[in-house]
Amino acid sequence: MTPYDPDWLDRMYNNRALVPECVEHFAHWARMSEHARTETDCHIDIPYGDSPLQKLDVFPAVRNRADAPVMVFIHGGYWRSLDKSDHSFIAPPFNNRGACVVVVNYDLCPEVAVPDIALQCAHALAWVWRNIAAYGGDPRRISVVGHSAGGHLAAMMMLCQWQALGADLPARLVHNAMSISGLFDLEPVSQVPFLKDSLRLTPDHVLRASPALLPKPASGQLYALAGGNESPEFIRQNLLIGPAWGKQRVPVCETLPGLNHFNILEALVQQRHRLYRLALGLLQT
């Protein structure tokens, strides 16, 4: 294991310290999300597993089409915080363009380990494949989008051996994925002082759950994006996955100017922004 300077790690990975106005972003997300849940058709807190947090929300396409592409969104929070209810605002801009959106929750560290969270998200995706047609979604057109730790989990979904999870599942359940400010090598993350006690990442966890250290997926495409105002380490993490998986699997691996770790998620729902257009294009492929 490579030794890292603890102070440097905290500077590189503590996004809330790097962006002091993050509290304002969280409040903005909460307001927009409450509005999304009260003003749009949605189905809240559907269980996909046994624990209280293994639930998801479904936001059908506005026109209730029977073959809508499906976006499954996985939230961030370093696998230890935040909630799907903070991210309902992701749905309406894509619902309005004919997509069905599913926002997923999962158990949090330290109660579970990061590989356990990845497996829970896989079970959530299996639920989507088996049930989304009842909400107008097309199970043959499932894409995953995730932010930060959710970006890591979105990439992990491309590596899942679906038929080992369920004999009824297709080999290619996830069509495509987008990782926004994602993490692809968990070795330095495992040593970050302010995260160590809650994440409890072991060397085995690092090897099992680092997309850049695992064989590339057999099919599909991943778009990997980070903000130009993020820490050098988050920019480096984003750029890792391109050469690790190759251009065929990662045709988009970019740093978007002017965006930090939090407002990049708001760019996702701005219809003139490149990030939104890329996500919409991913759903339509």
Protein backbone atom coordinates (compact mmCIF):
# COMPACT_ATOMS: atom_id res chain seq x y z
CA MET A 1 0.00 0.00 0.00
CA THR A 2 1.39 3.40 -1.00
CA PRO A 3 1.87 5.77 1.97
CA TYR A 4 0.29 9.21 1.63
CA ASP A 5 0.74 12.38 3.65
CA PRO A 6 -2.34 12.59 5.93
CA ASP A 7 -2.66 16.38 5.73
CA TRP A 8 -2.47 16.26 1.93
CA LEU A 9 -5.14 13.56 1.80
CA ASP A 10 -7.50 15.65 3.92
CA ARG A 11 -6.94 18.65 1.65
CA MET A 12 -7.54 16.60 -1.49
CA TYR A 13 -10.64 14.70 -0.36
CA ASN A 14 -12.49 17.00 2.04
CA ASN A 15 -14.86 18.56 -0.48
CA ARG A 16 -16.94 20.33 2.17
CA ALA A 17 -13.84 22.19 3.35
CA LEU A 18 -12.84 22.99 -0.23
CA VAL A 19 -16.31 24.41 -0.97
CA PRO A 20 -17.52 26.18 2.23
CA GLU A 21 -20.77 27.15 0.50
CA CYS A 22 -21.66 23.46 0.21
CA VAL A 23 -24.29 24.01 2.91
CA GLU A 24 -26.09 26.37 0.56
CA HIS A 25 -25.96 23.76 -2.19
CA PHE A 26 -27.45 21.13 0.13
CA ALA A 27 -30.26 23.49 1.10
CA HIS A 28 -30.92 24.26 -2.56
CA TRP A 29 -31.05 20.54 -3.41
CA ALA A 30 -33.51 19.95 -0.54
CA ARG A 31 -35.84 22.74 -1.69
CA MET A 32 -35.79 21.61 -5.31
CA SER A 33 -36.27 17.98 -4.28
CA GLU A 34 -39.29 18.73 -2.09
CA HIS A 35 -40.81 20.62 -5.00
CA ALA A 36 -40.15 17.68 -7.33
CA ARG A 37 -41.89 15.24 -5.00
CA THR A 38 -44.94 17.47 -4.46
CA GLU A 39 -45.38 18.73 -8.02
CA THR A 40 -44.68 15.62 -10.11
CA ASP A 41 -46.01 12.09 -10.35
CA CYS A 42 -43.79 9.91 -8.17
CA HIS A 43 -43.78 6.73 -6.14
CA ILE A 44 -41.76 7.08 -2.95
CA ASP A 45 -40.00 4.61 -0.64
CA ILE A 46 -40.46 1.41 -2.63
CA PRO A 47 -38.46 -1.36 -0.91
CA TYR A 48 -35.97 -3.39 -2.93
CA GLY A 49 -34.29 -5.05 0.08
CA ASP A 50 -34.82 -5.81 3.75
CA SER A 51 -33.26 -2.87 5.60
CA PRO A 52 -35.01 0.49 6.12
CA LEU A 53 -32.65 2.32 3.74
CA GLN A 54 -32.92 -0.19 0.91
CA LYS A 55 -35.64 1.79 -0.85
CA LEU A 56 -36.01 3.72 -4.07
CA ASP A 57 -38.22 6.40 -5.62
CA VAL A 58 -39.69 6.19 -9.13
CA PHE A 59 -40.48 9.28 -11.21
CA PRO A 60 -42.26 8.17 -14.42
CA ALA A 61 -41.88 10.02 -17.70
CA VAL A 62 -44.31 12.94 -18.02
CA ARG A 63 -46.24 11.46 -20.92
CA ASN A 64 -46.47 7.99 -19.32
CA ARG A 65 -45.02 6.32 -22.37
CA ALA A 66 -44.71 2.55 -22.23
CA ASP A 67 -41.12 2.36 -23.46
CA ALA A 68 -39.34 5.19 -21.67
CA PRO A 69 -35.57 4.96 -21.24
CA VAL A 70 -34.66 4.56 -17.58
CA MET A 71 -32.15 6.63 -15.61
CA VAL A 72 -31.18 5.17 -12.24
CA PHE A 73 -29.51 7.84 -10.10
CA ILE A 74 -27.19 6.93 -7.19
CA HIS A 75 -26.36 9.68 -4.70
CA GLY A 76 -22.99 10.51 -3.16
CA GLY A 77 -21.88 11.37 0.36
CA TYR A 78 -18.74 9.22 0.69
CA TRP A 79 -20.89 6.11 1.16
CA ARG A 80 -21.67 7.41 4.67
CA SER A 81 -24.14 10.30 4.34
CA LEU A 82 -26.90 12.01 2.32
CA ASP A 83 -30.12 10.44 1.11
CA LYS A 84 -32.20 9.89 -2.00
CA SER A 85 -34.64 12.54 -0.73
CA ASP A 86 -31.87 15.14 -1.24
CA HIS A 87 -31.73 14.25 -4.94
CA SER A 88 -35.32 14.11 -6.21
CA PHE A 89 -34.54 17.31 -8.14
CA ILE A 90 -32.59 15.23 -10.66
CA ALA A 91 -35.80 13.69 -12.03
CA PRO A 92 -38.02 16.43 -13.57
CA PRO A 93 -35.66 17.69 -16.32
CA PHE A 94 -35.33 14.13 -17.61
CA ASN A 95 -38.99 13.20 -17.02
CA ASN A 96 -39.89 16.14 -19.23
CA ARG A 97 -37.76 14.69 -22.02
CA GLY A 98 -39.44 11.30 -21.87
CA ALA A 99 -37.27 9.39 -19.39
CA CYS A 100 -38.31 7.43 -16.30
CA VAL A 101 -36.02 8.26 -13.35
CA VAL A 102 -35.31 6.05 -10.34
CA VAL A 103 -33.45 7.48 -7.31
CA VAL A 104 -31.82 4.87 -5.08
CA ASN A 105 -30.97 4.73 -1.38
CA TYR A 106 -28.59 2.29 0.29
CA ASP A 107 -27.27 1.45 3.75
CA LEU A 108 -24.41 3.67 4.90
CA CYS A 109 -20.94 3.11 6.31
CA PRO A 110 -19.89 2.14 8.94
CA GLU A 111 -22.92 -0.14 9.37
CA VAL A 112 -21.98 -1.77 6.05
CA ALA A 113 -18.83 -1.85 3.92
CA VAL A 114 -18.42 -0.26 0.50
CA PRO A 115 -18.56 -3.62 -1.37
CA ASP A 116 -21.84 -4.34 0.47
CA ILE A 117 -23.23 -1.01 -0.78
CA ALA A 118 -22.26 -1.92 -4.33
CA LEU A 119 -24.13 -5.20 -3.97
CA GLN A 120 -27.19 -3.39 -2.59
CA CYS A 121 -27.17 -1.08 -5.62
CA ALA A 122 -27.00 -4.14 -7.86
CA HIS A 123 -30.09 -5.51 -6.12
CA ALA A 124 -31.80 -2.15 -6.68
CA LEU A 125 -30.96 -2.39 -10.39
CA ALA A 126 -32.34 -5.94 -10.45
CA TRP A 127 -35.58 -4.61 -8.93
CA VAL A 128 -35.71 -1.96 -11.64
CA TRP A 129 -35.26 -4.52 -14.42
CA ARG A 130 -38.01 -6.72 -12.98
CA ASN A 131 -40.51 -3.98 -12.15
CA ILE A 132 -39.95 -0.77 -14.10
CA ALA A 133 -42.32 -1.70 -16.94
CA ALA A 134 -45.20 -1.14 -14.49
CA TYR A 135 -44.11 2.53 -14.35
CA GLY A 136 -43.68 2.95 -18.10
CA GLY A 137 -39.95 2.25 -18.19
CA ASP A 138 -38.22 -0.01 -20.69
CA PRO A 139 -36.07 -2.59 -18.85
CA ARG A 140 -33.97 -2.97 -22.00
CA ARG A 141 -32.82 0.67 -21.74
CA ILE A 142 -31.41 1.15 -18.24
CA SER A 143 -28.59 3.67 -17.70
CA VAL A 144 -27.02 4.57 -14.35
CA VAL A 145 -25.87 8.04 -13.30
CA GLY A 146 -24.07 8.70 -10.03
CA HIS A 147 -22.38 11.59 -8.24
CA SER A 148 -19.19 11.28 -6.16
CA ALA A 149 -19.47 7.99 -4.24
CA GLY A 150 -22.50 7.39 -6.45
CA GLY A 151 -20.25 7.87 -9.48
CA HIS A 152 -18.07 5.08 -8.14
CA LEU A 153 -21.15 2.91 -7.67
CA ALA A 154 -22.40 3.70 -11.19
CA ALA A 155 -19.12 2.39 -12.61
CA MET A 156 -19.33 -0.69 -10.40
CA MET A 157 -22.77 -1.48 -11.87
CA MET A 158 -21.13 -1.91 -15.26
CA LEU A 159 -18.97 -4.66 -13.77
CA CYS A 160 -21.76 -6.69 -12.14
CA GLN A 161 -22.18 -10.32 -13.15
CA TRP A 162 -25.95 -10.04 -13.35
CA GLN A 163 -26.79 -13.67 -14.00
CA ALA A 164 -24.87 -14.65 -10.88
CA LEU A 165 -27.17 -12.26 -8.99
CA GLY A 166 -30.34 -13.73 -10.50
CA ALA A 167 -30.86 -16.40 -13.15
CA ASP A 168 -33.68 -14.35 -14.68
CA LEU A 169 -31.48 -11.29 -15.22
CA PRO A 170 -29.90 -10.44 -18.58
CA ALA A 171 -26.13 -10.49 -18.99
CA ARG A 172 -26.23 -6.77 -19.91
CA LEU A 173 -28.69 -5.21 -17.50
CA VAL A 174 -27.03 -1.79 -17.43
CA HIS A 175 -26.97 -0.22 -20.87
CA ASN A 176 -24.62 2.71 -20.11
CA ALA A 177 -23.42 4.77 -17.14
CA MET A 178 -22.26 8.25 -16.21
CA SER A 179 -19.92 8.96 -13.30
CA ILE A 180 -19.90 12.57 -12.09
CA SER A 181 -16.92 13.37 -9.83
CA GLY A 182 -16.47 9.65 -9.25
CA LEU A 183 -13.77 7.69 -7.43
CA PHE A 184 -12.09 4.82 -9.24
CA ASP A 185 -9.12 3.87 -7.04
CA LEU A 186 -10.03 3.46 -3.38
CA GLU A 187 -6.48 2.97 -2.05
CA PRO A 188 -5.84 6.66 -1.25
CA VAL A 189 -9.44 7.02 -0.05
CA SER A 190 -8.82 4.22 2.45
CA GLN A 191 -6.14 6.34 4.11
CA VAL A 192 -7.94 9.70 4.32
CA PRO A 193 -7.90 10.62 8.03
CA PHE A 194 -11.41 12.07 8.29
CA LEU A 195 -12.89 9.06 6.44
CA LYS A 196 -10.94 6.11 7.83
CA ASP A 197 -13.04 5.39 10.90
CA SER A 198 -16.37 5.41 9.05
CA LEU A 199 -15.40 3.73 5.77
CA ARG A 200 -13.09 1.07 7.27
CA LEU A 201 -11.77 0.19 3.82
CA THR A 202 -9.51 -2.86 3.95
CA PRO A 203 -6.97 -3.84 1.27
CA ASP A 204 -9.45 -6.50 0.15
CA HIS A 205 -12.23 -3.90 -0.16
CA VAL A 206 -9.89 -1.71 -2.23
CA LEU A 207 -9.13 -4.53 -4.65
CA ARG A 208 -12.76 -5.65 -4.94
CA ALA A 209 -14.31 -2.22 -5.31
CA SER A 210 -11.88 -0.05 -7.32
CA PRO A 211 -13.16 0.14 -10.91
CA ALA A 212 -9.77 1.30 -12.26
CA LEU A 213 -8.11 -1.81 -10.78
CA LEU A 214 -10.67 -4.26 -12.18
CA PRO A 215 -11.01 -5.70 -15.71
CA LYS A 216 -13.01 -3.47 -18.03
CA PRO A 217 -16.66 -4.36 -18.62
CA ALA A 218 -17.54 -6.55 -21.57
CA SER A 219 -20.02 -4.07 -23.01
CA GLY A 220 -21.56 -0.63 -22.59
CA GLN A 221 -20.10 2.84 -22.27
CA LEU A 222 -19.15 4.99 -19.28
CA TYR A 223 -19.02 8.77 -19.41
CA ALA A 224 -16.65 10.09 -16.72
CA LEU A 225 -16.73 13.78 -15.81
CA ALA A 226 -15.34 15.99 -13.06
CA GLY A 227 -15.36 19.71 -12.37
CA GLY A 228 -12.39 21.87 -13.25
CA ASN A 229 -12.57 23.52 -9.81
CA GLU A 230 -12.38 20.23 -7.93
CA SER A 231 -9.24 19.16 -6.10
CA PRO A 232 -6.33 17.87 -8.21
CA GLU A 233 -6.92 14.44 -6.71
CA PHE A 234 -10.57 14.29 -7.80
CA ILE A 235 -9.52 15.37 -11.29
CA ARG A 236 -6.84 12.65 -11.28
CA GLN A 237 -9.34 10.05 -10.06
CA ASN A 238 -11.68 10.93 -12.92
CA LEU A 239 -8.94 10.66 -15.52
CA LEU A 240 -7.84 7.23 -14.25
CA ILE A 241 -10.76 5.34 -15.71
CA GLY A 242 -10.17 6.33 -19.34
CA PRO A 243 -6.87 4.50 -19.86
CA ALA A 244 -7.88 1.75 -17.41
CA TRP A 245 -10.94 0.72 -19.44
CA GLY A 246 -9.99 2.13 -22.84
CA LYS A 247 -11.64 4.47 -25.30
CA GLN A 248 -14.26 1.94 -26.44
CA ARG A 249 -15.68 1.67 -22.94
CA VAL A 250 -14.96 5.27 -21.83
CA PRO A 251 -15.52 7.48 -24.88
CA VAL A 252 -16.03 10.57 -22.69
CA CYS A 253 -13.53 11.37 -19.93
CA GLU A 254 -13.52 15.12 -19.33
CA THR A 255 -12.90 17.90 -16.86
CA LEU A 256 -15.64 20.55 -17.10
CA PRO A 257 -14.41 24.11 -16.45
CA GLY A 258 -15.91 26.32 -13.78
CA LEU A 259 -17.54 23.55 -11.75
CA ASN A 260 -16.80 22.38 -8.21
CA HIS A 261 -17.81 19.17 -6.46
CA PHE A 262 -21.32 20.43 -5.69
CA ASN A 263 -22.44 22.76 -8.45
CA ILE A 264 -21.48 20.10 -10.99
CA LEU A 265 -24.58 18.21 -9.87
CA GLU A 266 -26.70 21.29 -10.49
CA ALA A 267 -25.22 21.49 -14.00
CA LEU A 268 -26.68 18.04 -14.63
CA VAL A 269 -30.20 19.53 -14.58
CA GLN A 270 -29.42 22.67 -16.61
CA GLN A 271 -30.77 21.92 -20.04
CA ARG A 272 -28.21 24.05 -21.89
CA HIS A 273 -25.23 22.55 -20.08
CA ARG A 274 -22.98 19.98 -21.73
CA LEU A 275 -23.40 17.65 -18.75
CA TYR A 276 -27.18 17.55 -19.19
CA ARG A 277 -26.86 17.01 -22.93
CA LEU A 278 -24.41 14.18 -22.42
CA ALA A 279 -26.73 12.48 -19.92
CA LEU A 280 -29.71 12.88 -22.22
CA GLY A 281 -27.73 11.48 -25.13
CA LEU A 282 -26.65 8.53 -22.99
CA LEU A 283 -30.29 7.70 -22.29
CA GLN A 284 -31.14 7.81 -25.97
CA THR A 285 -28.39 5.52 -27.21
